[in-house]
Amino acid sequence: MPKKQTPATKRKISLAQKGKKNSFYGKKHKKSSKEKISKSVSGKKNPMYGKKHSAATKRKISLAIKRARKRALKK
């Protein structure tokens, strides 16, 4: 079983992959790649296919969106 990372280690890894240090920085997927990705997760292949979020999960999603909007307005 892998060792759990401390919050400090997670933060270091996160910072090491942001902006220009990220290998995909400044690049875009080709149209053909986007189509392949779309096909690979559509319909029955989608992990949420035929499932519904519970009321508790819907509340959590709603709160997360509200928090994100507040943060965006502060900037």
Protein backbone atom coordinates (compact mmCIF):
# COMPACT_ATOMS: atom_id res chain seq x y z
CA MET A 1 0.00 0.00 0.00
CA PRO A 2 1.49 3.37 -0.97
CA LYS A 3 2.40 5.88 1.68
CA LYS A 4 0.00 8.79 2.20
CA GLN A 5 1.46 12.16 1.31
CA THR A 6 1.42 15.01 3.78
CA PRO A 7 -0.46 18.19 2.85
CA ALA A 8 2.92 19.96 2.51
CA THR A 9 4.15 17.36 0.02
CA LYS A 10 0.90 17.56 -1.95
CA ARG A 11 1.30 21.35 -2.12
CA LYS A 12 4.90 21.03 -3.40
CA ILE A 13 3.82 18.60 -6.12
CA SER A 14 0.95 20.89 -7.09
CA LEU A 15 3.22 23.94 -7.38
CA ALA A 16 5.77 21.94 -9.37
CA GLN A 17 3.15 21.19 -12.05
CA LYS A 18 1.57 24.64 -12.46
CA GLY A 19 1.96 27.07 -15.34
CA LYS A 20 4.91 26.77 -17.69
CA LYS A 21 6.27 23.80 -15.75
CA ASN A 22 3.32 21.68 -16.91
CA SER A 23 4.10 19.61 -20.00
CA PHE A 24 0.77 20.52 -21.65
CA TYR A 25 1.06 24.27 -20.91
CA GLY A 26 0.12 26.40 -23.91
CA LYS A 27 -0.99 23.44 -26.00
CA LYS A 28 -4.44 22.41 -27.19
CA HIS A 29 -5.99 19.10 -28.15
CA LYS A 30 -6.51 18.55 -31.88
CA LYS A 31 -10.10 18.36 -33.10
CA SER A 32 -9.61 14.66 -33.88
CA SER A 33 -8.35 14.02 -30.34
CA LYS A 34 -11.34 15.83 -28.85
CA GLU A 35 -13.67 13.65 -30.92
CA LYS A 36 -11.92 10.46 -29.74
CA ILE A 37 -12.16 11.58 -26.09
CA SER A 38 -15.83 12.42 -26.56
CA LYS A 39 -16.61 9.03 -28.10
CA SER A 40 -14.70 7.19 -25.38
CA VAL A 41 -16.90 8.60 -22.58
CA SER A 42 -20.30 8.93 -24.20
CA GLY A 43 -23.40 6.83 -23.57
CA LYS A 44 -22.93 3.58 -21.65
CA LYS A 45 -19.17 4.19 -21.44
CA ASN A 46 -19.76 7.20 -19.18
CA PRO A 47 -19.17 6.27 -15.53
CA MET A 48 -22.31 8.19 -14.49
CA TYR A 49 -24.52 6.59 -17.17
CA GLY A 50 -27.85 5.57 -15.63
CA LYS A 51 -26.94 6.95 -12.20
CA LYS A 52 -28.19 10.00 -10.32
CA HIS A 53 -26.56 12.15 -7.66
CA SER A 54 -28.03 11.81 -4.17
CA ALA A 55 -29.58 14.85 -2.49
CA ALA A 56 -26.52 15.17 -0.22
CA THR A 57 -24.16 15.11 -3.20
CA LYS A 58 -26.25 17.73 -5.01
CA ARG A 59 -25.98 19.99 -1.94
CA LYS A 60 -22.19 19.53 -1.85
CA ILE A 61 -21.89 20.36 -5.56
CA SER A 62 -24.07 23.43 -5.12
CA LEU A 63 -21.99 24.70 -2.18
CA ALA A 64 -18.74 24.11 -4.08
CA ILE A 65 -20.00 26.10 -7.07
CA LYS A 66 -21.15 28.95 -4.80
CA ARG A 67 -17.73 29.05 -3.09
CA ALA A 68 -15.94 29.07 -6.43
CA ARG A 69 -18.09 31.96 -7.67
CA LYS A 70 -17.35 33.97 -4.52
CA ARG A 71 -13.61 33.40 -4.99
CA ALA A 72 -13.85 34.42 -8.65
CA LEU A 73 -15.66 37.65 -7.74
CA LYS A 74 -12.96 38.56 -5.20
CA LYS A 75 -10.24 38.46 -7.88
